[in-house]
Each structure stands twice: as structure tokens, then as C-alpha cells.
Amino acid sequence: MELEPLILSRRIGQRPNLVKIVDNICWLFFDKALRMGVGLFVGVWIARYLGPEQFGLLSFATAFIGLFGAIAALGLQGIVVRDIVRNPDSARETLGTAAVLQLFRGLVAYLFILVAIAYLRPDDPLARTIVAILALMMLLKASDIAEFWFESQVQSKYTVWVRNGVFLVFAAIQVGLILQQAPLIAFVWAMLAEVVLVALILLIVMGWRGPALRRLRVSVERGVTLLRDSWPLILSAIAVTVYMKIDQLMLGQMIGDEAVGIYSATVRISEVWYFIPIAIVASVFPAILEAKKRSETQYYARLQSLYDLMVIISVSVAVPMTFLATPMIGLLFGVPYIDAGPISGIHIWGGVFVSMGLARGKWLLAENLQYMGYWYVAFGMVTNVIGNYLLIPHFGITGAASMTVISQAMAALLAPAFFKRTRFSSVMLARSLNIANSILRLRQTFNSNSGI
């Protein structure tokens, strides 16, 4: 089953690699669009039902666990996908070793989470309970190898089927909880149950369409190689998570859970479209790797096309949302969340730099320069933490949103320019900010035989 539109299929039908990429992107779009539509509807209903304070506590717990998720993930996704594409014969060993590494790190992350929340919220048993339950997701990180496999094969449709099937079931369960006026803790258990079921089914499907679990192999030597290649990505992922989530945690600790609830409404609106750059970058990455084998000229042309596309899409979203955010928040979340509207109009511009960072991250991976990404993100992280510490006491939620955008711009454009080996990537990304030229280059690329 192919999802690309018929008119587009006819246009690119003679380019099989592009057809495969577009079909994969369409599946990822379908996945995220469905989750965006249903998830936004159910998420907004939950937010209205719980109110800013309880919704803020749930958001605080989710953000807190997210800080440790990078430890459990090990930064392995891009590394595993890259290695499977480069050496398909070693796929079983790569997947098996990655699973063991993620299982061990998930356990370590879970223990760290329990200790940290006990320190931060010693007098809040509800917060500690919620975090302890949701943190069990860390123990399921080993199942991510199924997603890595399907991404390496450009077959994300299987991941889409599983995630959306389970998602729809639990969306209905959450609606039922609202109608039954269930307590907050019931929604927490439902969130955990959804992740557990997705993990189990994905592993089963991988065994059906790819390497079976019993045939996976574990190698100490392979584990050392994976850790050596991924440690910069681990540090980078931790830094990314900190500067993406620290605003919610600092708001919760410095102002209160209600502020987190209002800010979370902002984030839901301004980040709801992030599936678009994520899907495009994930689907195009294998083609970029193949281009690198053939021609440096074609390789960098494809990279520039990807950068151009990221900027065009993100600016096209940010401009209208700057003006529509307030009425949209009022319509969806209601009067208690109306203060989130102007904040979302600021926060939405961070998406431009997030998209840039996603695209450049793949270039770093292709060049085996992933360790450089840590320095960029660390720069953004430090900027965000210091900025939040200075601005939140005076400007509250507005200060947090502003510092998120500033820190993302620092990490995407300014930090790489300080290093000789990656300065050119900043030049390419800055070139994409000229929207008119980006559109022209993309049009020329699409009409040629050298495009993505």
C-alpha cells in the first residue's frame, strides 16, 4: 500500500529511490497527523478536565522523566540505522547488542529518576508516585530496536500501524476515564500501559517482518563500538532534553505547577507540527548516505535541499501561528489557559531552529562528527538555564518561552560557526534563511534528476 498522492506518484514514478522515500514520509505523516488530530482532541479534553494545576503536575512529571530518557536511549538510533545501512550482514548483532545496552541504561535511568524526584519534591507524595509510575517506561527502551530496524529499511509503515492502533485504543480509554471522572493517577497508569503494549507488539512485528528476537546476537566488541560512536550523541541528547524541558521544570520549581500547566498548553500548540521535519529527515537520511558514496557534489546538494525545505516549512508554520495562537488556545483549552496564547506566539519560532538542528544532526552523523553536536547543544543548554534563571522571576512564562527560542537559535546557527570543521554547515543553514532563494533552489532540484 502506497500513500503518496497520485499526481506526485506520476511525477516521480521513474525515480524508485525517491518514490520509496516519499512513501515512507507519507506513512510517517499519516502516523503523526492521526496522532496530532486525535491526540490534540483528547489531550485538550484532559487538560480542561484536570485544570492547569493537575495538568501542570502531569506535564512536570513527563518533562522530568524526559530529562533521563536520553540516558536510556543512549543516542543509538542514528548510529544503529547508519550501521545497518552500511553493513546489513551485521544487523542481528547490531540490534541485539543495542537492545542489551538500552535495557541496562534504562534501569540506571529509572534509579536516578527515583532519587532525583525524592530530592526535588520531598513533601509531594503525589508527584513522587506519578514519576515512579511513568519512569517505568525507561525499562522498555530496549524495544526501540524494532523502530530502528524499520527506519533502516525505510519501512516506517509497520511502526505506524502499531503505534496508531494502540494509540486509538488508549485514546478511547482516556475519554472513558474523563467521562467516569477518574482521578489523575488513572491517566498515569493508562499512559504507562500504552507504552508497554506498543513495545511488545513492535517487537513481535519486527520478528515477523525482519530479524526474530531469538536470532539476535550480543557482542561485547560491538557494544564497545556502539558506545564509542554514540557517547557524543548521548551527551548531546541529554543537553537537548535539558534545554527543551528545563523551562517546564524551572517554572514548576520557581513558580508552581499551574504555571507549568499553562506553559504546557503553549508547547502543545507550538510543537504539534514537529512531526513534519522529523518524518522528512528520518526518511531522507538513507538517501543522503547513498549520495555520499557516489558524489560529494550530489551529497551537499541534497543537504542544501534538505536545509531549504526545513526552513520553508517551519517559517510557513510560524508566521500564521504568531497571530492565531491566542484565539486557538482560547478555543481549545478554555479561559483558564488563555494566558498561553501570546506565549505560544513566541515559542512557535523555536521550530525554525529545531528543524535546522534536526537536518544538520544527520550531516554530523554522516560525517562521523556527531561529537560536535554535543558542544552546540551544550551551548544552547547553558544559555537556556542561565536565561531562565534570570528571566523567569521577572517575566514568568514569557521569559521561559523567549529563552527557549534564543537558546535554540544559538545551538543551531551560532555555536557551529565557532568550529572550523562545521562552520560551513552554519553557512548552508544561514543560506536557507533567504526564503526566496530556498524556494528557487528546491524547485530546480525537484525538476532535476539529482534531487532527494
Protein backbone atom coordinates (compact mmCIF):
# COMPACT_ATOMS: atom_id res chain seq x y z
CA MET A 1 0.00 0.00 0.00
CA GLU A 2 1.47 3.36 -1.03
CA LEU A 3 0.26 6.65 0.41
CA GLU A 4 1.86 9.23 -1.87
CA PRO A 5 -0.67 11.29 -3.87
CA LEU A 6 -1.36 10.01 -7.40
CA ILE A 7 -0.21 13.20 -9.14
CA LEU A 8 3.08 13.12 -7.21
CA SER A 9 3.49 9.41 -7.91
CA ARG A 10 3.24 10.07 -11.64
CA ARG A 11 5.75 12.91 -11.40
CA ILE A 12 8.44 10.87 -9.65
CA GLY A 13 7.48 7.40 -10.85
CA GLN A 14 10.71 6.94 -12.82
CA ARG A 15 12.84 7.54 -9.71
CA PRO A 16 12.35 4.47 -7.49
CA ASN A 17 14.51 5.70 -4.60
CA LEU A 18 12.54 8.92 -4.40
CA VAL A 19 9.26 7.01 -4.58
CA LYS A 20 10.34 4.87 -1.63
CA ILE A 21 11.36 7.93 0.38
CA VAL A 22 8.13 9.81 -0.38
CA ASP A 23 6.03 6.77 0.50
CA ASN A 24 7.90 6.44 3.82
CA ILE A 25 7.40 10.14 4.55
CA CYS A 26 3.68 9.78 3.75
CA TRP A 27 3.39 6.93 6.25
CA LEU A 28 5.14 8.98 8.91
CA PHE A 29 2.92 11.97 8.10
CA PHE A 30 -0.16 9.77 8.36
CA ASP A 31 1.07 8.49 11.71
CA LYS A 32 1.72 11.90 13.19
CA ALA A 33 -1.28 13.58 11.58
CA LEU A 34 -3.61 11.00 13.10
CA ARG A 35 -1.90 11.27 16.47
CA MET A 36 -1.92 15.04 16.21
CA GLY A 37 -5.62 15.20 15.46
CA VAL A 38 -6.87 12.63 17.94
CA GLY A 39 -4.12 13.37 20.45
CA LEU A 40 -4.79 17.09 20.42
CA PHE A 41 -8.51 16.49 20.88
CA VAL A 42 -8.04 14.06 23.77
CA GLY A 43 -5.11 16.00 25.23
CA VAL A 44 -7.08 19.23 25.27
CA TRP A 45 -10.04 17.43 26.86
CA ILE A 46 -7.74 16.03 29.55
CA ALA A 47 -6.20 19.47 30.14
CA ARG A 48 -9.63 21.06 30.52
CA TYR A 49 -10.79 18.23 32.80
CA LEU A 50 -7.75 18.28 35.08
CA GLY A 51 -7.30 22.05 35.14
CA PRO A 52 -3.98 23.95 34.94
CA GLU A 53 -2.65 22.74 38.32
CA GLN A 54 -3.15 18.96 37.91
CA PHE A 55 -2.34 19.12 34.20
CA GLY A 56 0.77 21.08 35.14
CA LEU A 57 1.79 18.37 37.62
CA LEU A 58 1.37 15.70 34.95
CA SER A 59 3.38 17.80 32.48
CA PHE A 60 6.07 18.41 35.10
CA ALA A 61 6.38 14.66 35.72
CA THR A 62 6.58 13.93 31.98
CA ALA A 63 9.25 16.60 31.44
CA PHE A 64 11.19 15.38 34.46
CA ILE A 65 11.28 11.81 33.15
CA GLY A 66 12.22 13.12 29.72
CA LEU A 67 15.43 14.53 31.17
CA PHE A 68 16.57 11.00 31.90
CA GLY A 69 15.21 9.47 28.71
CA ALA A 70 18.36 10.41 26.81
CA ILE A 71 20.39 8.23 29.19
CA ALA A 72 18.21 5.21 28.45
CA ALA A 73 18.11 5.91 24.69
CA LEU A 74 21.92 6.04 24.55
CA GLY A 75 21.83 8.14 21.38
CA LEU A 76 21.79 4.89 19.44
CA GLN A 77 19.03 5.46 16.91
CA GLY A 78 21.07 7.22 14.24
CA ILE A 79 24.12 5.03 14.89
CA VAL A 80 22.19 1.75 14.61
CA VAL A 81 20.34 2.88 11.47
CA ARG A 82 23.59 4.04 9.89
CA ASP A 83 25.39 0.77 10.69
CA ILE A 84 22.58 -1.42 9.38
CA VAL A 85 22.52 0.54 6.11
CA ARG A 86 26.29 0.28 5.78
CA ASN A 87 26.61 -3.36 6.84
CA PRO A 88 23.32 -5.29 6.55
CA ASP A 89 25.03 -8.62 7.30
CA SER A 90 25.76 -7.48 10.87
CA ALA A 91 22.21 -6.25 11.53
CA ARG A 92 21.33 -9.01 14.04
CA GLU A 93 24.44 -8.38 16.08
CA THR A 94 23.92 -4.62 15.99
CA LEU A 95 20.27 -4.87 17.06
CA GLY A 96 20.87 -7.43 19.81
CA THR A 97 23.75 -5.51 21.32
CA ALA A 98 21.82 -2.24 21.17
CA ALA A 99 18.87 -3.85 22.97
CA VAL A 100 21.04 -5.05 25.86
CA LEU A 101 22.73 -1.67 26.17
CA GLN A 102 19.40 0.14 26.27
CA LEU A 103 17.92 -2.27 28.80
CA PHE A 104 20.85 -1.70 31.17
CA ARG A 105 20.80 2.07 30.76
CA GLY A 106 17.02 2.11 31.21
CA LEU A 107 17.43 0.52 34.62
CA VAL A 108 20.12 3.04 35.56
CA ALA A 109 17.91 5.91 34.42
CA TYR A 110 14.96 4.60 36.45
CA LEU A 111 17.02 4.53 39.65
CA PHE A 112 18.33 8.04 39.02
CA ILE A 113 14.78 9.30 38.47
CA LEU A 114 13.56 7.93 41.80
CA VAL A 115 16.44 9.52 43.70
CA ALA A 116 16.13 12.87 41.94
CA ILE A 117 12.37 13.30 42.43
CA ALA A 118 12.67 12.38 46.11
CA TYR A 119 15.21 15.21 46.45
CA LEU A 120 13.23 17.82 44.48
CA ARG A 121 9.74 17.05 45.83
CA PRO A 122 10.26 15.57 49.33
CA ASP A 123 6.87 16.86 50.55
CA ASP A 124 4.82 15.98 47.47
CA PRO A 125 3.90 12.24 47.58
CA LEU A 126 1.57 12.53 44.57
CA ALA A 127 4.37 13.92 42.37
CA ARG A 128 6.75 11.17 43.52
CA THR A 129 4.15 8.48 42.82
CA ILE A 130 3.36 9.78 39.33
CA VAL A 131 7.03 10.00 38.42
CA ALA A 132 7.75 6.50 39.77
CA ILE A 133 4.96 5.02 37.62
CA LEU A 134 5.79 6.84 34.39
CA ALA A 135 9.51 6.23 34.83
CA LEU A 136 8.89 2.51 34.30
CA MET A 137 8.85 3.44 30.60
CA MET A 138 12.64 3.65 30.84
CA LEU A 139 12.77 -0.13 31.23
CA LEU A 140 11.10 -0.55 27.83
CA LYS A 141 13.72 1.33 25.81
CA ALA A 142 15.15 -1.95 24.54
CA SER A 143 12.08 -2.31 22.31
CA ASP A 144 13.22 0.74 20.31
CA ILE A 145 15.39 -1.59 18.23
CA ALA A 146 12.25 -2.51 16.26
CA GLU A 147 11.80 1.09 15.23
CA PHE A 148 15.49 1.33 14.33
CA TRP A 149 15.13 -1.70 12.07
CA PHE A 150 12.11 -0.39 10.20
CA GLU A 151 13.71 3.04 9.77
CA SER A 152 16.85 1.46 8.31
CA GLN A 153 14.67 -0.42 5.80
CA VAL A 154 12.59 2.71 5.03
CA GLN A 155 9.52 0.75 6.17
CA SER A 156 8.09 3.00 8.84
CA LYS A 157 4.57 1.91 7.92
CA TYR A 158 4.84 -1.02 10.33
CA THR A 159 5.71 1.29 13.19
CA VAL A 160 2.80 3.49 12.13
CA TRP A 161 0.32 0.60 12.19
CA VAL A 162 1.33 -0.49 15.68
CA ARG A 163 1.60 2.92 17.29
CA ASN A 164 -1.64 4.20 15.84
CA GLY A 165 -3.65 1.08 16.58
CA VAL A 166 -2.63 1.12 20.24
CA PHE A 167 -2.91 4.90 20.41
CA LEU A 168 -6.53 4.88 19.23
CA VAL A 169 -7.45 2.22 21.77
CA PHE A 170 -5.95 4.20 24.64
CA ALA A 171 -7.38 7.47 23.37
CA ALA A 172 -10.80 5.86 23.80
CA ILE A 173 -9.77 4.62 27.26
CA GLN A 174 -8.73 8.14 28.30
CA VAL A 175 -12.04 9.55 27.10
CA GLY A 176 -13.75 6.89 29.20
CA LEU A 177 -11.69 7.98 32.21
CA ILE A 178 -12.82 11.56 31.72
CA LEU A 179 -16.46 10.53 31.45
CA GLN A 180 -16.08 8.44 34.61
CA GLN A 181 -14.42 11.40 36.35
CA ALA A 182 -11.36 9.33 37.15
CA PRO A 183 -8.54 10.71 39.31
CA LEU A 184 -5.22 11.92 37.90
CA ILE A 185 -3.42 8.70 38.81
CA ALA A 186 -5.71 6.69 36.49
CA PHE A 187 -4.46 8.68 33.49
CA VAL A 188 -0.89 7.99 34.59
CA TRP A 189 -1.44 4.20 34.59
CA ALA A 190 -3.11 4.45 31.17
CA MET A 191 -0.07 6.27 29.78
CA LEU A 192 2.24 3.52 31.03
CA ALA A 193 0.00 0.72 29.73
CA GLU A 194 0.02 2.24 26.23
CA VAL A 195 3.82 2.29 26.10
CA VAL A 196 4.04 -1.30 27.34
CA LEU A 197 1.64 -2.58 24.70
CA VAL A 198 3.37 -0.68 21.86
CA ALA A 199 6.75 -2.10 22.91
CA LEU A 200 5.51 -5.70 22.93
CA ILE A 201 3.71 -5.50 19.60
CA LEU A 202 6.60 -3.73 17.83
CA LEU A 203 8.98 -6.50 18.84
CA ILE A 204 6.54 -9.12 17.56
CA VAL A 205 6.13 -7.32 14.23
CA MET A 206 9.91 -6.95 13.85
CA GLY A 207 10.23 -10.71 14.32
CA TRP A 208 7.57 -11.20 11.65
CA ARG A 209 8.97 -8.79 9.04
CA GLY A 210 12.64 -8.79 10.00
CA PRO A 211 15.12 -10.48 12.32
CA ALA A 212 13.45 -12.51 15.08
CA LEU A 213 14.42 -11.78 18.67
CA ARG A 214 15.78 -15.30 19.22
CA ARG A 215 18.18 -14.82 16.31
CA LEU A 216 19.68 -11.58 17.59
CA ARG A 217 23.24 -11.74 18.86
CA VAL A 218 25.09 -9.80 21.52
CA SER A 219 28.74 -8.88 21.15
CA VAL A 220 30.95 -7.14 23.69
CA GLU A 221 33.14 -5.83 20.89
CA ARG A 222 30.10 -4.48 19.04
CA GLY A 223 28.85 -2.90 22.26
CA VAL A 224 32.12 -1.07 22.75
CA THR A 225 31.95 0.22 19.18
CA LEU A 226 28.36 1.41 19.58
CA LEU A 227 29.15 3.19 22.82
CA ARG A 228 32.25 4.78 21.34
CA ASP A 229 30.30 6.11 18.37
CA SER A 230 27.24 7.13 20.37
CA TRP A 231 28.65 8.74 23.51
CA PRO A 232 28.73 12.21 21.92
CA LEU A 233 25.10 11.69 20.91
CA ILE A 234 24.23 10.65 24.47
CA LEU A 235 25.71 13.87 25.82
CA SER A 236 24.07 15.81 23.02
CA ALA A 237 20.69 14.16 23.67
CA ILE A 238 20.94 14.96 27.38
CA ALA A 239 21.79 18.56 26.58
CA VAL A 240 18.95 18.75 24.03
CA THR A 241 16.47 17.37 26.54
CA VAL A 242 17.65 19.76 29.22
CA TYR A 243 17.26 22.83 27.10
CA MET A 244 13.94 21.60 25.70
CA LYS A 245 12.47 20.59 29.08
CA ILE A 246 14.28 22.69 31.68
CA ASP A 247 11.86 25.58 31.22
CA GLN A 248 8.96 23.45 32.46
CA LEU A 249 10.97 22.12 35.40
CA MET A 250 12.22 25.55 36.42
CA LEU A 251 8.73 27.01 36.13
CA GLY A 252 7.41 24.21 38.34
CA GLN A 253 10.10 24.73 40.98
CA MET A 254 10.21 28.56 40.85
CA ILE A 255 6.54 29.46 40.27
CA GLY A 256 4.34 26.37 40.62
CA ASP A 257 2.55 23.57 38.77
CA GLU A 258 -0.20 25.89 37.47
CA ALA A 259 2.40 27.87 35.51
CA VAL A 260 3.66 24.57 34.07
CA GLY A 261 0.10 23.71 33.02
CA ILE A 262 -0.30 26.99 31.14
CA TYR A 263 3.15 26.66 29.57
CA SER A 264 2.39 23.05 28.56
CA ALA A 265 -0.65 24.27 26.65
CA THR A 266 1.72 26.62 24.82
CA VAL A 267 4.11 23.79 23.99
CA ARG A 268 1.31 21.51 22.76
CA ILE A 269 0.23 24.11 20.22
CA SER A 270 3.66 25.28 19.08
CA GLU A 271 5.26 21.81 18.85
CA VAL A 272 2.32 19.87 17.44
CA TRP A 273 3.71 20.14 13.90
CA TYR A 274 7.23 18.88 14.71
CA PHE A 275 6.35 15.51 13.20
CA ILE A 276 6.82 17.07 9.77
CA PRO A 277 10.58 17.79 9.94
CA ILE A 278 11.18 14.63 11.97
CA ALA A 279 9.46 12.46 9.34
CA ILE A 280 11.22 14.14 6.42
CA VAL A 281 14.69 13.95 7.95
CA ALA A 282 14.26 10.31 9.04
CA SER A 283 13.10 9.26 5.56
CA VAL A 284 15.71 11.22 3.60
CA PHE A 285 18.72 10.20 5.71
CA PRO A 286 19.37 6.83 3.94
CA ALA A 287 19.29 8.59 0.55
CA ILE A 288 21.77 11.19 1.73
CA LEU A 289 24.10 8.42 2.88
CA GLU A 290 23.84 6.78 -0.54
CA ALA A 291 24.58 10.09 -2.27
CA LYS A 292 27.74 10.48 -0.19
CA LYS A 293 29.04 7.19 -1.62
CA ARG A 294 28.54 8.41 -5.19
CA SER A 295 29.38 12.10 -5.29
CA GLU A 296 30.33 14.86 -2.86
CA THR A 297 28.64 17.39 -5.13
CA GLN A 298 25.35 15.50 -5.13
CA TYR A 299 25.71 14.84 -1.40
CA TYR A 300 25.96 18.52 -0.49
CA ALA A 301 23.30 19.48 -2.99
CA ARG A 302 20.90 17.12 -1.24
CA LEU A 303 21.89 18.51 2.13
CA GLN A 304 21.22 22.06 0.99
CA SER A 305 17.84 20.97 -0.37
CA LEU A 306 17.02 19.42 2.99
CA TYR A 307 18.05 22.58 4.86
CA ASP A 308 16.00 24.74 2.49
CA LEU A 309 12.95 22.55 2.92
CA MET A 310 13.23 22.62 6.73
CA VAL A 311 13.32 26.41 6.85
CA ILE A 312 10.50 26.90 4.34
CA ILE A 313 8.19 24.56 6.22
CA SER A 314 8.97 25.96 9.68
CA VAL A 315 8.58 29.61 8.66
CA SER A 316 5.32 28.78 6.88
CA VAL A 317 4.02 27.43 10.18
CA ALA A 318 5.45 30.15 12.46
CA VAL A 319 4.13 33.22 10.62
CA PRO A 320 0.39 32.47 10.79
CA MET A 321 0.63 30.91 14.24
CA THR A 322 2.11 34.12 15.63
CA PHE A 323 -1.28 35.75 15.07
CA LEU A 324 -3.61 32.78 15.53
CA ALA A 325 -2.17 31.32 18.74
CA THR A 326 -4.30 33.28 21.23
CA PRO A 327 -7.72 32.56 19.69
CA MET A 328 -6.68 28.95 19.13
CA ILE A 329 -5.69 28.49 22.79
CA GLY A 330 -8.91 30.08 23.96
CA LEU A 331 -11.00 27.89 21.69
CA LEU A 332 -9.23 24.64 22.55
CA PHE A 333 -8.20 24.92 26.18
CA GLY A 334 -10.67 27.46 27.52
CA VAL A 335 -10.40 30.58 29.67
CA PRO A 336 -8.13 29.08 32.40
CA TYR A 337 -5.38 28.67 29.77
CA ILE A 338 -5.87 31.93 27.84
CA ASP A 339 -2.53 33.35 29.06
CA ALA A 340 -0.80 30.67 26.98
CA GLY A 341 -1.85 32.35 23.71
CA PRO A 342 0.74 35.16 23.47
CA ILE A 343 3.39 32.79 24.84
CA SER A 344 2.72 30.33 22.04
CA GLY A 345 3.17 33.14 19.50
CA ILE A 346 6.75 33.47 20.77
CA HIS A 347 7.51 29.79 21.35
CA ILE A 348 6.43 28.78 17.82
CA TRP A 349 9.54 30.42 16.30
CA GLY A 350 11.75 27.92 18.03
CA GLY A 351 10.56 25.42 15.44
CA VAL A 352 12.67 27.10 12.75
CA PHE A 353 15.85 26.32 14.65
CA VAL A 354 14.68 22.90 15.80
CA SER A 355 14.17 21.94 12.14
CA MET A 356 17.63 23.23 11.29
CA GLY A 357 19.18 21.22 14.09
CA LEU A 358 17.42 18.02 13.05
CA ALA A 359 18.74 18.31 9.50
CA ARG A 360 22.28 19.28 10.49
CA GLY A 361 22.39 16.42 13.01
CA LYS A 362 22.13 13.92 10.17
CA TRP A 363 25.02 15.60 8.37
CA LEU A 364 27.14 15.32 11.52
CA LEU A 365 26.26 11.63 11.71
CA ALA A 366 27.13 11.03 8.06
CA GLU A 367 30.50 12.75 8.58
CA ASN A 368 31.13 10.89 11.86
CA LEU A 369 31.24 14.29 13.57
CA GLN A 370 28.40 13.55 15.96
CA TYR A 371 30.58 14.53 18.91
CA MET A 372 30.48 18.13 17.68
CA GLY A 373 26.73 18.22 18.20
CA TYR A 374 27.29 17.95 21.94
CA TRP A 375 29.11 21.27 22.04
CA TYR A 376 26.38 23.06 20.11
CA VAL A 377 23.61 21.75 22.27
CA ALA A 378 25.60 22.28 25.46
CA PHE A 379 26.00 25.90 24.41
CA GLY A 380 22.24 26.18 23.94
CA MET A 381 21.58 24.36 27.20
CA VAL A 382 23.77 26.68 29.26
CA THR A 383 22.21 29.70 27.57
CA ASN A 384 18.72 28.42 28.37
CA VAL A 385 19.40 27.55 32.01
CA ILE A 386 21.10 30.87 32.78
CA GLY A 387 18.50 32.81 30.83
CA ASN A 388 15.61 31.07 32.58
CA TYR A 389 17.19 31.70 35.97
CA LEU A 390 17.42 35.41 35.17
CA LEU A 391 14.14 35.93 33.29
CA ILE A 392 11.56 33.65 34.94
CA PRO A 393 11.49 35.61 38.26
CA HIS A 394 10.77 38.84 36.34
CA PHE A 395 8.83 37.74 33.24
CA GLY A 396 7.44 34.35 34.24
CA ILE A 397 6.20 32.17 31.39
CA THR A 398 7.06 34.78 28.74
CA GLY A 399 10.70 34.73 29.85
CA ALA A 400 10.83 30.93 29.62
CA ALA A 401 9.39 30.91 26.10
CA SER A 402 11.75 33.64 24.91
CA MET A 403 14.81 31.86 26.26
CA THR A 404 13.76 28.62 24.56
CA VAL A 405 13.77 30.33 21.16
CA ILE A 406 17.05 32.16 21.83
CA SER A 407 18.85 29.03 23.03
CA GLN A 408 17.64 27.03 20.03
CA ALA A 409 18.96 29.71 17.69
CA MET A 410 22.29 29.66 19.50
CA ALA A 411 22.62 25.89 19.16
CA ALA A 412 21.54 25.76 15.51
CA LEU A 413 23.38 28.71 13.97
CA LEU A 414 25.88 30.43 16.26
CA ALA A 415 27.64 27.55 18.02
CA PRO A 416 28.67 25.60 14.85
CA ALA A 417 30.24 28.78 13.44
CA PHE A 418 32.86 28.71 16.23
CA PHE A 419 34.35 25.43 14.92
CA LYS A 420 36.30 25.26 11.68
CA ARG A 421 35.10 21.76 10.74
CA THR A 422 31.42 22.70 10.98
CA ARG A 423 31.45 26.39 10.12
CA PHE A 424 30.31 25.57 6.60
CA SER A 425 27.14 23.96 7.96
CA SER A 426 26.21 27.29 9.59
CA VAL A 427 26.77 28.99 6.24
CA MET A 428 24.49 26.48 4.49
CA LEU A 429 21.79 26.87 7.14
CA ALA A 430 22.03 30.66 7.07
CA ARG A 431 21.73 30.50 3.27
CA SER A 432 18.40 28.70 3.76
CA LEU A 433 17.01 31.67 5.68
CA ASN A 434 16.75 33.51 2.36
CA ILE A 435 13.31 32.06 1.66
CA ALA A 436 13.08 33.24 -1.94
CA ASN A 437 16.37 31.61 -2.92
CA SER A 438 15.50 28.46 -0.98
CA ILE A 439 12.25 28.08 -2.91
CA LEU A 440 14.08 28.60 -6.20
CA ARG A 441 16.75 26.01 -5.34
CA LEU A 442 14.16 23.46 -4.29
CA ARG A 443 12.20 23.95 -7.48
CA GLN A 444 15.34 23.42 -9.57
CA THR A 445 16.29 20.34 -7.52
CA PHE A 446 12.87 18.75 -7.81
CA ASN A 447 12.84 19.24 -11.57
CA SER A 448 16.28 17.66 -11.97
CA ASN A 449 17.38 14.07 -11.58
CA SER A 450 19.76 14.88 -8.72
CA GLY A 451 17.22 15.79 -6.10
CA ILE A 452 16.36 13.95 -2.94
